């Protein structure tokens, strides 16, 4: 008897049809093994360019005026000193002085990463340790970037080369890789998606739990996995994935929770109490009629969280109402966008969160390039605006800013707030537009590039080729057939 997936015209679960490429096809792991040297080399080259882009700042010990002028800021070097790592303080266990922040304000695995590098640079002299901490961190982050690219390429199936190149050669990776420690969570999340695509739900959950222990945002990726597993009836795989996630997260967090509770909860307290930050749409809105609303942290949290929950509910409806089950990467990308658009914080390096999922969700160049241009505009906009703020100058208007850019120079004294608002909106609108295109692909799956050659969901793992068990279309069909016709 033909399998359910064959009757649906989809590749049968467990086949390599979604990974074949060219005459005769080839397995995903085998194809990735052949592409790995190319993708690794190109990613390493882009990471080297990213390091060189920060050299003007490193040579000046990351002086703030020079970092904003040259758009080469990083948190890594200053936080080595500000968070007490240079004094031998251990994150979460040792409190800080001279700051409103009492402990390291990152999730446990990121703090552990920082501590590891601090131990590695101890053999260096006191005057050299800060720069050694930065350079060793950069080297490890570059390795994580390679991991993220290879994992994303693996999850892409037969389009592994295109997808891998889109991540490896992206301007976003070059410009933002070393601003903060986000690549740790990005690489772990990409590995989790790759493990899920390889039908290893427990391993995927374990990796996702580690990613959540490094950064909060991977927690949101559980939502799409739950929704799609419910639609496909993949309860066992869902249970194993959730168990792996909870186990890995607890394994990393529980020791710190038990022995350094105040330090452990600093991340959550800090996230709740912080106000509007640069990059958030609320930063724009507070100058356009919502100043009173955005000045109250409680109201701000309620507005941001409430908006996200409404958007998340819409994504849940989309997951069950779409004519064909959405691909995993599509929903993951959408839920991250729904989280970021109304967030009170949207740092430049957050683009790395979206990057692997964006190319898996929609591996088409035109919209991707437009999005990357929007990110580039914002990247330079935020630093040049901070230059004007720190130098206490009005900043260049749009005409002078464009003239300076065309002359391959930074605007003297930075840019005005109005120009910065344009840069902020450029990123906001391009991300929103890319999300709208992904929604369009979900509603019109015949236009989805990944599915144009009869593939279903290369990154879907047990979802790939699985028939629907629960969906709005199926429910309607059952409901209509159960109602007798009126005589």
Protein backbone atom coordinates (compact mmCIF):
# COMPACT_ATOMS: atom_id res chain seq x y z
CA UNK A 1 0.00 0.00 0.00
CA UNK A 2 1.27 3.48 -0.83
CA UNK A 3 2.34 5.60 2.13
CA UNK A 4 0.36 8.67 3.18
CA UNK A 5 3.10 10.95 1.91
CA UNK A 6 3.08 9.24 -1.48
CA UNK A 7 -0.68 9.66 -1.73
CA UNK A 8 -0.19 13.36 -0.97
CA UNK A 9 2.43 13.63 -3.67
CA UNK A 10 5.17 14.37 -1.11
CA UNK A 11 8.48 12.63 -0.57
CA UNK A 12 8.15 9.76 1.86
CA UNK A 13 9.56 10.26 5.31
CA UNK A 14 13.08 8.94 5.55
CA UNK A 15 13.88 9.33 1.84
CA UNK A 16 16.63 11.57 0.54
CA UNK A 17 14.47 13.19 -2.11
CA UNK A 18 14.65 16.57 -0.40
CA UNK A 19 18.43 16.36 -0.34
CA UNK A 20 19.09 15.15 -3.85
CA UNK A 21 20.81 17.54 -6.18
CA UNK A 22 21.36 16.95 -9.85
CA UNK A 23 21.35 13.63 -11.73
CA UNK A 24 21.40 10.70 -9.40
CA UNK A 25 21.05 12.93 -6.34
CA UNK A 26 23.24 12.84 -3.26
CA UNK A 27 22.62 12.61 0.44
CA UNK A 28 22.52 15.73 2.58
CA UNK A 29 25.55 14.79 4.74
CA UNK A 30 27.54 13.75 1.69
CA UNK A 31 26.75 16.93 -0.18
CA UNK A 32 27.53 19.05 2.88
CA UNK A 33 30.87 17.26 3.27
CA UNK A 34 31.80 18.38 -0.25
CA UNK A 35 30.59 21.93 0.35
CA UNK A 36 32.07 22.29 3.85
CA UNK A 37 35.56 23.44 2.73
CA UNK A 38 34.07 26.15 0.51
CA UNK A 39 31.56 27.36 3.09
CA UNK A 40 34.11 27.19 5.90
CA UNK A 41 36.69 29.13 3.90
CA UNK A 42 34.27 31.85 2.84
CA UNK A 43 32.84 32.21 6.35
CA UNK A 44 36.33 32.46 7.80
CA UNK A 45 37.21 35.09 5.21
CA UNK A 46 34.13 37.19 6.04
CA UNK A 47 34.90 36.82 9.76
CA UNK A 48 38.45 38.02 9.06
CA UNK A 49 37.00 41.05 7.27
CA UNK A 50 34.79 41.63 10.29
CA UNK A 51 37.87 41.60 12.52
CA UNK A 52 39.64 44.03 10.19
CA UNK A 53 36.58 46.30 10.22
CA UNK A 54 37.06 46.64 13.98
CA UNK A 55 40.82 47.28 13.80
CA UNK A 56 40.58 51.12 13.79
CA UNK A 57 38.79 50.85 17.13
CA UNK A 58 41.04 48.15 18.55
CA UNK A 59 44.13 50.21 17.76
CA UNK A 60 42.59 53.02 19.84
CA UNK A 61 41.60 50.67 22.71
CA UNK A 62 37.98 51.10 21.64
CA UNK A 63 37.75 54.75 22.53
CA UNK A 64 34.03 55.55 22.27
CA UNK A 65 34.33 58.55 19.95
CA UNK A 66 36.55 56.59 17.58
CA UNK A 67 34.31 53.51 17.71
CA UNK A 68 31.20 55.49 16.82
CA UNK A 69 32.98 57.49 14.12
CA UNK A 70 34.33 54.33 12.50
CA UNK A 71 31.22 52.23 13.30
CA UNK A 72 33.33 49.51 14.89
CA UNK A 73 31.91 49.29 18.40
CA UNK A 74 32.00 46.08 20.43
CA UNK A 75 30.78 45.19 23.94
CA UNK A 76 33.44 42.53 24.34
CA UNK A 77 36.44 44.68 25.23
CA UNK A 78 34.81 47.18 27.61
CA UNK A 79 32.73 44.55 29.43
CA UNK A 80 35.89 42.63 30.28
CA UNK A 81 36.63 45.51 32.62
CA UNK A 82 33.15 46.79 33.47
CA UNK A 83 31.91 43.32 34.52
CA UNK A 84 34.98 42.68 36.67
CA UNK A 85 36.50 39.84 34.64
CA UNK A 86 39.86 41.61 34.72
CA UNK A 87 39.70 41.53 38.54
CA UNK A 88 38.98 37.82 38.61
CA UNK A 89 35.31 38.17 39.48
CA UNK A 90 33.21 35.16 38.54
CA UNK A 91 29.89 35.91 36.77
CA UNK A 92 26.80 35.46 38.97
CA UNK A 93 28.82 34.59 42.09
CA UNK A 94 30.63 37.90 42.56
CA UNK A 95 28.72 41.18 42.70
CA UNK A 96 29.81 44.33 40.91
CA UNK A 97 30.45 47.77 42.32
CA UNK A 98 30.07 51.24 40.84
CA UNK A 99 27.15 50.24 38.59
CA UNK A 100 23.38 49.88 38.70
CA UNK A 101 23.91 46.32 37.43
CA UNK A 102 24.88 44.11 40.37
CA UNK A 103 25.89 40.99 38.44
CA UNK A 104 26.66 39.94 34.86
CA UNK A 105 23.36 40.50 33.03
CA UNK A 106 23.57 37.63 30.53
CA UNK A 107 22.06 34.13 30.66
CA UNK A 108 24.25 31.50 32.30
CA UNK A 109 25.87 29.91 29.25
CA UNK A 110 26.93 33.30 27.87
CA UNK A 111 28.39 34.21 31.25
CA UNK A 112 30.21 30.88 31.29
CA UNK A 113 31.59 31.64 27.84
CA UNK A 114 32.92 34.97 29.11
CA UNK A 115 34.48 33.30 32.14
CA UNK A 116 36.13 30.63 29.99
CA UNK A 117 37.87 33.23 27.85
CA UNK A 118 38.88 35.18 30.96
CA UNK A 119 40.64 32.04 32.21
CA UNK A 120 42.30 31.46 28.83
CA UNK A 121 43.89 34.93 28.78
CA UNK A 122 45.31 34.77 32.31
CA UNK A 123 48.84 33.94 31.02
CA UNK A 124 48.94 37.35 29.30
CA UNK A 125 50.30 40.41 31.08
CA UNK A 126 47.90 42.71 32.90
CA UNK A 127 48.13 45.38 30.21
CA UNK A 128 47.55 42.86 27.43
CA UNK A 129 44.68 40.84 28.85
CA UNK A 130 41.87 43.13 27.71
CA UNK A 131 42.89 42.97 24.06
CA UNK A 132 43.70 39.27 24.39
CA UNK A 133 40.20 38.71 25.80
CA UNK A 134 38.74 40.47 22.77
CA UNK A 135 40.86 38.59 20.21
CA UNK A 136 40.33 35.15 21.74
CA UNK A 137 36.59 35.84 21.93
CA UNK A 138 36.62 36.89 18.27
CA UNK A 139 38.39 33.66 17.30
CA UNK A 140 35.81 31.54 19.13
CA UNK A 141 32.91 33.55 17.71
CA UNK A 142 34.32 33.08 14.21
CA UNK A 143 34.36 29.31 14.80
CA UNK A 144 30.74 29.53 15.95
CA UNK A 145 29.88 31.45 12.79
CA UNK A 146 31.30 28.57 10.73
CA UNK A 147 29.19 26.13 12.76
CA UNK A 148 26.07 28.23 12.17
CA UNK A 149 26.69 28.37 8.40
CA UNK A 150 27.32 24.62 8.07
CA UNK A 151 24.32 23.72 10.25
CA UNK A 152 22.06 26.02 8.24
CA UNK A 153 23.35 24.57 4.98
CA UNK A 154 22.67 21.05 6.25
CA UNK A 155 19.10 21.92 7.20
CA UNK A 156 18.48 23.44 3.76
CA UNK A 157 18.66 20.09 1.97
CA UNK A 158 19.35 20.33 -1.73
CA UNK A 159 19.71 24.11 -1.59
CA UNK A 160 22.54 23.88 0.91
CA UNK A 161 25.02 25.80 -1.24
CA UNK A 162 22.72 28.75 -1.89
CA UNK A 163 21.59 28.94 1.71
CA UNK A 164 25.07 28.55 3.13
CA UNK A 165 26.45 31.26 0.89
CA UNK A 166 23.65 33.67 1.77
CA UNK A 167 24.57 33.38 5.45
CA UNK A 168 28.34 33.24 5.00
CA UNK A 169 28.57 36.24 2.67
CA UNK A 170 25.96 38.40 4.36
CA UNK A 171 26.96 41.96 5.29
CA UNK A 172 25.15 41.40 8.59
CA UNK A 173 27.62 38.70 9.61
CA UNK A 174 30.60 40.85 8.65
CA UNK A 175 29.42 43.93 10.52
CA UNK A 176 27.80 42.50 13.66
CA UNK A 177 29.54 39.20 14.46
CA UNK A 178 31.72 40.71 17.18
CA UNK A 179 29.45 43.28 18.78
CA UNK A 180 28.38 40.85 21.49
CA UNK A 181 28.25 37.12 22.26
CA UNK A 182 25.08 36.41 20.24
CA UNK A 183 26.78 33.96 17.87
CA UNK A 184 26.90 31.40 20.68
CA UNK A 185 23.10 31.18 20.78
CA UNK A 186 22.86 31.53 16.99
CA UNK A 187 25.18 28.56 16.40
CA UNK A 188 23.42 26.38 18.99
CA UNK A 189 20.02 27.26 17.51
CA UNK A 190 21.24 26.44 14.00
CA UNK A 191 22.58 23.11 15.26
CA UNK A 192 19.21 22.42 16.88
CA UNK A 193 17.41 23.01 13.58
CA UNK A 194 19.94 20.79 11.79
CA UNK A 195 19.46 18.01 14.36
CA UNK A 196 15.69 18.30 14.00
CA UNK A 197 16.02 18.08 10.22
CA UNK A 198 18.07 14.89 10.72
CA UNK A 199 15.16 13.41 12.71
CA UNK A 200 17.00 13.62 16.04
CA UNK A 201 14.36 15.34 18.20
CA UNK A 202 16.03 14.61 21.56
CA UNK A 203 19.36 16.01 20.33
CA UNK A 204 17.56 18.98 18.79
CA UNK A 205 15.90 19.67 22.13
CA UNK A 206 19.19 19.40 23.98
CA UNK A 207 20.86 21.89 21.65
CA UNK A 208 17.88 24.21 21.85
CA UNK A 209 17.99 24.05 25.65
CA UNK A 210 21.65 25.08 25.54
CA UNK A 211 20.78 27.91 23.15
CA UNK A 212 18.12 29.16 25.57
CA UNK A 213 20.72 29.00 28.33
CA UNK A 214 22.87 31.34 26.23
CA UNK A 215 20.17 33.80 25.11
CA UNK A 216 16.45 34.18 25.67
CA UNK A 217 15.22 34.32 22.08
CA UNK A 218 15.64 30.57 21.17
CA UNK A 219 12.84 29.86 23.64
CA UNK A 220 10.48 31.33 21.06
CA UNK A 221 11.45 28.62 18.56
CA UNK A 222 9.59 26.07 20.66
CA UNK A 223 6.27 27.60 19.59
CA UNK A 224 6.56 26.70 15.88
CA UNK A 225 7.78 23.20 16.75
CA UNK A 226 4.77 22.64 18.99
CA UNK A 227 2.29 24.03 16.47
CA UNK A 228 3.57 22.00 13.54
CA UNK A 229 3.93 18.79 15.54
CA UNK A 230 0.33 19.18 16.71
CA UNK A 231 -0.86 19.71 13.12
CA UNK A 232 1.06 16.63 11.98
CA UNK A 233 0.33 14.57 15.08
CA UNK A 234 4.02 14.00 15.85
CA UNK A 235 3.53 13.71 19.59
CA UNK A 236 6.42 11.38 20.38
CA UNK A 237 8.99 13.52 18.61
CA UNK A 238 7.55 16.63 20.27
CA UNK A 239 7.79 15.04 23.71
CA UNK A 240 11.40 13.96 23.19
CA UNK A 241 12.33 17.41 21.94
CA UNK A 242 10.69 19.17 24.90
CA UNK A 243 12.31 16.77 27.36
CA UNK A 244 15.73 17.40 25.83
CA UNK A 245 15.17 21.16 25.97
CA UNK A 246 14.12 21.18 29.61
CA UNK A 247 16.89 18.79 30.65
CA UNK A 248 19.70 20.72 28.97
CA UNK A 249 18.48 24.09 30.23
CA UNK A 250 18.18 22.82 33.79
CA UNK A 251 21.58 21.12 33.65
CA UNK A 252 23.23 24.46 32.88
CA UNK A 253 21.08 26.76 35.01
CA UNK A 254 20.28 24.74 38.12
CA UNK A 255 23.76 24.89 39.74
CA UNK A 256 23.83 28.68 39.41
CA UNK A 257 20.22 28.98 40.57
CA UNK A 258 21.02 26.96 43.70
CA UNK A 259 24.28 28.63 44.66
CA UNK A 260 24.02 32.15 43.17
CA UNK A 261 20.32 32.97 42.95
CA UNK A 262 20.73 36.74 42.97
CA UNK A 263 23.30 36.58 40.19
CA UNK A 264 21.23 34.12 38.17
CA UNK A 265 18.10 36.27 38.20
CA UNK A 266 19.98 39.47 37.22
CA UNK A 267 19.33 38.83 33.52
CA UNK A 268 15.58 38.54 34.04
CA UNK A 269 15.39 41.49 36.42
CA UNK A 270 17.46 43.65 34.09
CA UNK A 271 15.35 42.68 31.07
CA UNK A 272 12.14 43.55 32.87
CA UNK A 273 13.29 46.86 34.30
CA UNK A 274 15.18 48.36 31.38
CA UNK A 275 13.48 51.09 29.39
CA UNK A 276 13.29 51.95 25.71
CA UNK A 277 16.60 51.37 23.98
CA UNK A 278 17.96 52.58 20.68
CA UNK A 279 16.72 50.52 17.76
CA UNK A 280 13.26 49.87 19.15
CA UNK A 281 10.23 51.22 17.30
CA UNK A 282 9.26 52.74 20.66
CA UNK A 283 12.33 54.96 20.43
CA UNK A 284 10.76 56.47 17.33
CA UNK A 285 7.25 56.56 18.78
CA UNK A 286 8.30 58.33 21.97
CA UNK A 287 9.18 61.35 19.84
CA UNK A 288 5.91 61.10 17.94
CA UNK A 289 3.17 61.21 20.55
CA UNK A 290 3.86 58.26 22.87
CA UNK A 291 6.38 59.79 25.25
CA UNK A 292 4.20 59.30 28.35
CA UNK A 293 3.41 55.70 27.43
CA UNK A 294 7.01 54.70 26.74
CA UNK A 295 8.39 56.43 29.84
CA UNK A 296 6.57 54.01 32.17
CA UNK A 297 8.35 50.64 32.17
CA UNK A 298 5.30 48.67 33.27
CA UNK A 299 3.12 50.10 30.50
CA UNK A 300 5.93 49.63 28.01
CA UNK A 301 6.34 45.95 28.96
CA UNK A 302 2.59 45.43 28.73
CA UNK A 303 2.38 47.10 25.32
CA UNK A 304 5.34 45.21 23.89
CA UNK A 305 4.36 41.83 25.32
CA UNK A 306 0.72 42.30 24.42
CA UNK A 307 1.56 43.16 20.82
CA UNK A 308 3.81 40.12 20.56
CA UNK A 309 1.10 37.83 21.96
CA UNK A 310 -1.41 39.13 19.40
CA UNK A 311 1.07 38.54 16.58
CA UNK A 312 1.92 35.10 17.99
CA UNK A 313 -1.77 34.21 18.05
CA UNK A 314 -2.03 35.23 14.39
CA UNK A 315 0.94 32.98 13.59
CA UNK A 316 -0.77 30.10 15.41
CA UNK A 317 -3.90 30.60 13.32
CA UNK A 318 -1.73 30.70 10.20
CA UNK A 319 -0.08 27.41 11.25
CA UNK A 320 -3.43 25.62 11.23
CA UNK A 321 -5.28 27.58 8.53
CA UNK A 322 -2.60 27.53 5.81
CA UNK A 323 -3.63 25.39 2.82
CA UNK A 324 -0.44 23.35 3.30
CA UNK A 325 1.42 22.94 6.55
CA UNK A 326 3.97 25.78 6.77
CA UNK A 327 7.62 24.86 6.76
CA UNK A 328 9.36 24.93 10.12
CA UNK A 329 11.80 27.72 9.20
CA UNK A 330 8.94 29.90 7.95
CA UNK A 331 7.14 29.85 11.29
CA UNK A 332 10.38 30.19 13.26
CA UNK A 333 11.32 33.27 11.27
CA UNK A 334 7.87 34.79 11.68
CA UNK A 335 7.73 34.27 15.45
CA UNK A 336 11.16 35.93 15.87
CA UNK A 337 10.05 38.89 13.77
CA UNK A 338 6.86 39.12 15.84
CA UNK A 339 9.03 39.26 18.95
CA UNK A 340 11.49 41.84 17.61
CA UNK A 341 9.16 44.36 15.96
CA UNK A 342 7.40 45.47 19.20
CA UNK A 343 10.41 44.90 21.46
CA UNK A 344 11.76 47.71 23.60
CA UNK A 345 15.31 46.62 22.71
CA UNK A 346 16.60 45.88 19.20
CA UNK A 347 20.39 45.92 19.17
CA UNK A 348 22.29 45.88 15.84
CA UNK A 349 23.58 42.33 16.34
CA UNK A 350 20.05 40.93 16.69
CA UNK A 351 20.09 40.59 12.91
CA UNK A 352 22.17 37.45 13.54
CA UNK A 353 19.16 35.84 15.23
CA UNK A 354 17.15 36.16 12.04
CA UNK A 355 19.86 35.40 9.50
CA UNK A 356 19.87 31.55 9.38
CA UNK A 357 16.08 31.32 9.63
CA UNK A 358 15.52 34.01 7.01
CA UNK A 359 17.52 32.16 4.34
CA UNK A 360 15.86 28.86 5.24
CA UNK A 361 12.41 30.45 5.18
CA UNK A 362 12.89 32.26 1.87
CA UNK A 363 16.12 31.59 -0.05
CA UNK A 364 15.46 34.28 -2.67
CA UNK A 365 18.05 36.99 -3.25
CA UNK A 366 16.09 40.17 -4.16
CA UNK A 367 14.17 40.61 -0.88
CA UNK A 368 17.16 39.29 1.09
CA UNK A 369 19.42 41.94 -0.45
CA UNK A 370 16.90 44.70 0.29
CA UNK A 371 16.72 43.51 3.91
CA UNK A 372 20.51 43.49 4.19
CA UNK A 373 20.65 47.03 2.82
CA UNK A 374 18.19 48.08 5.51
CA UNK A 375 20.41 46.46 8.15
CA UNK A 376 23.51 48.21 6.76
CA UNK A 377 21.73 51.56 6.86
CA UNK A 378 20.75 51.00 10.46
CA UNK A 379 24.18 49.70 11.46
CA UNK A 380 25.92 52.91 10.43
CA UNK A 381 22.97 55.05 11.51
CA UNK A 382 23.06 53.94 15.14
CA UNK A 383 26.78 54.56 15.59
CA UNK A 384 26.75 57.94 13.89
CA UNK A 385 23.74 58.99 15.93
CA UNK A 386 25.52 57.96 19.13
CA UNK A 387 28.48 59.99 17.90
CA UNK A 388 26.33 63.11 17.78
CA UNK A 389 24.86 62.30 21.21
CA UNK A 390 28.24 61.74 22.84
CA UNK A 391 29.79 64.77 21.11
CA UNK A 392 26.68 66.84 21.96
CA UNK A 393 26.32 68.11 18.41
CA UNK A 394 23.09 68.46 16.37
CA UNK A 395 24.43 66.04 13.75
CA UNK A 396 24.26 66.16 9.97
CA UNK A 397 20.95 66.38 8.17
CA UNK A 398 19.96 63.93 5.43
CA UNK A 399 21.60 65.87 2.60
CA UNK A 400 24.92 66.22 4.43
CA UNK A 401 24.80 62.58 5.53
CA UNK A 402 24.32 61.35 1.97
CA UNK A 403 27.14 63.62 0.76
CA UNK A 404 29.48 62.23 3.42
CA UNK A 405 28.58 58.63 2.60
CA UNK A 406 29.12 59.19 -1.13
CA UNK A 407 32.53 60.57 -0.20
CA UNK A 408 33.19 57.35 1.77
CA UNK A 409 33.45 59.30 4.99
CA UNK A 410 31.55 59.54 8.28
CA UNK A 411 29.43 62.67 8.79
CA UNK A 412 31.37 65.12 10.92
CA UNK A 413 29.77 65.16 14.37
CA UNK A 414 27.42 62.28 13.55
CA UNK A 415 23.85 62.43 12.25
CA UNK A 416 20.73 64.16 13.49
CA UNK A 417 17.91 62.37 15.27
CA UNK A 418 15.66 62.73 12.22
CA UNK A 419 18.21 60.94 10.04
CA UNK A 420 18.59 58.24 12.69
CA UNK A 421 14.82 57.76 12.72
CA UNK A 422 14.97 57.13 8.97
CA UNK A 423 17.66 54.50 9.51
CA UNK A 424 15.57 52.88 12.25
CA UNK A 425 12.52 52.76 10.00
CA UNK A 426 14.58 51.39 7.12
CA UNK A 427 15.41 48.31 9.16
CA UNK A 428 11.92 48.02 10.62
CA UNK A 429 10.19 48.21 7.24
CA UNK A 430 12.57 45.83 5.43
CA UNK A 431 12.20 43.19 8.15
CA UNK A 432 8.42 43.63 8.10
CA UNK A 433 8.37 43.35 4.30
CA UNK A 434 10.43 40.15 4.38
CA UNK A 435 8.03 38.69 6.95
CA UNK A 436 5.07 39.64 4.74
CA UNK A 437 6.66 37.79 1.82
CA UNK A 438 7.12 34.70 3.99
CA UNK A 439 3.44 34.87 4.98
CA UNK A 440 2.55 35.15 1.29
CA UNK A 441 4.59 32.01 0.56
CA UNK A 442 2.77 30.18 3.35
CA UNK A 443 -0.63 31.18 1.98
CA UNK A 444 0.42 30.45 -1.60
CA UNK A 445 2.77 27.43 -1.30
CA UNK A 446 3.00 27.06 -5.08
CA UNK A 447 5.23 30.15 -5.06
CA UNK A 448 7.50 28.85 -2.31
CA UNK A 449 10.93 28.33 -3.91
CA UNK A 450 11.76 25.41 -1.62
CA UNK A 451 8.59 23.57 -2.68
CA UNK A 452 8.72 24.23 -6.40
CA UNK A 453 10.42 20.88 -7.04
CA UNK A 454 8.00 18.70 -5.03
CA UNK A 455 10.00 18.97 -1.81
CA UNK A 456 8.03 19.45 1.38
CA UNK A 457 10.17 20.69 4.28
CA UNK A 458 13.88 19.80 4.20
CA UNK A 459 14.37 21.24 7.70
CA UNK A 460 11.17 19.65 9.00
CA UNK A 461 12.62 16.32 10.11
CA UNK A 462 9.70 14.12 11.17
CA UNK A 463 7.37 16.77 9.75
CA UNK A 464 8.79 16.41 6.24
CA UNK A 465 6.19 14.66 4.10
CA UNK A 466 3.93 13.91 7.07
CA UNK A 467 0.16 14.09 6.48
CA UNK A 468 -1.96 16.51 8.48
CA UNK A 469 -3.83 15.23 11.50
CA UNK A 470 -5.24 18.57 12.65
CA UNK A 471 -5.83 21.59 10.44
CA UNK A 472 -8.60 24.06 9.75
CA UNK A 473 -9.13 22.62 6.26
CA UNK A 474 -9.34 19.07 7.63
CA UNK A 475 -11.73 20.17 10.41
CA UNK A 476 -13.99 21.92 7.91
CA UNK A 477 -14.05 18.83 5.73
CA UNK A 478 -14.96 16.59 8.66
CA UNK A 479 -17.59 19.05 9.88
CA UNK A 480 -19.23 19.37 6.48
CA UNK A 481 -19.37 15.62 5.87
CA UNK A 482 -20.90 15.04 9.32
CA UNK A 483 -23.81 17.40 8.66
CA UNK A 484 -26.60 15.68 6.66
CA UNK A 485 -27.77 17.45 3.56
CA UNK A 486 -31.07 19.30 3.82
CA UNK A 487 -33.79 17.44 1.85
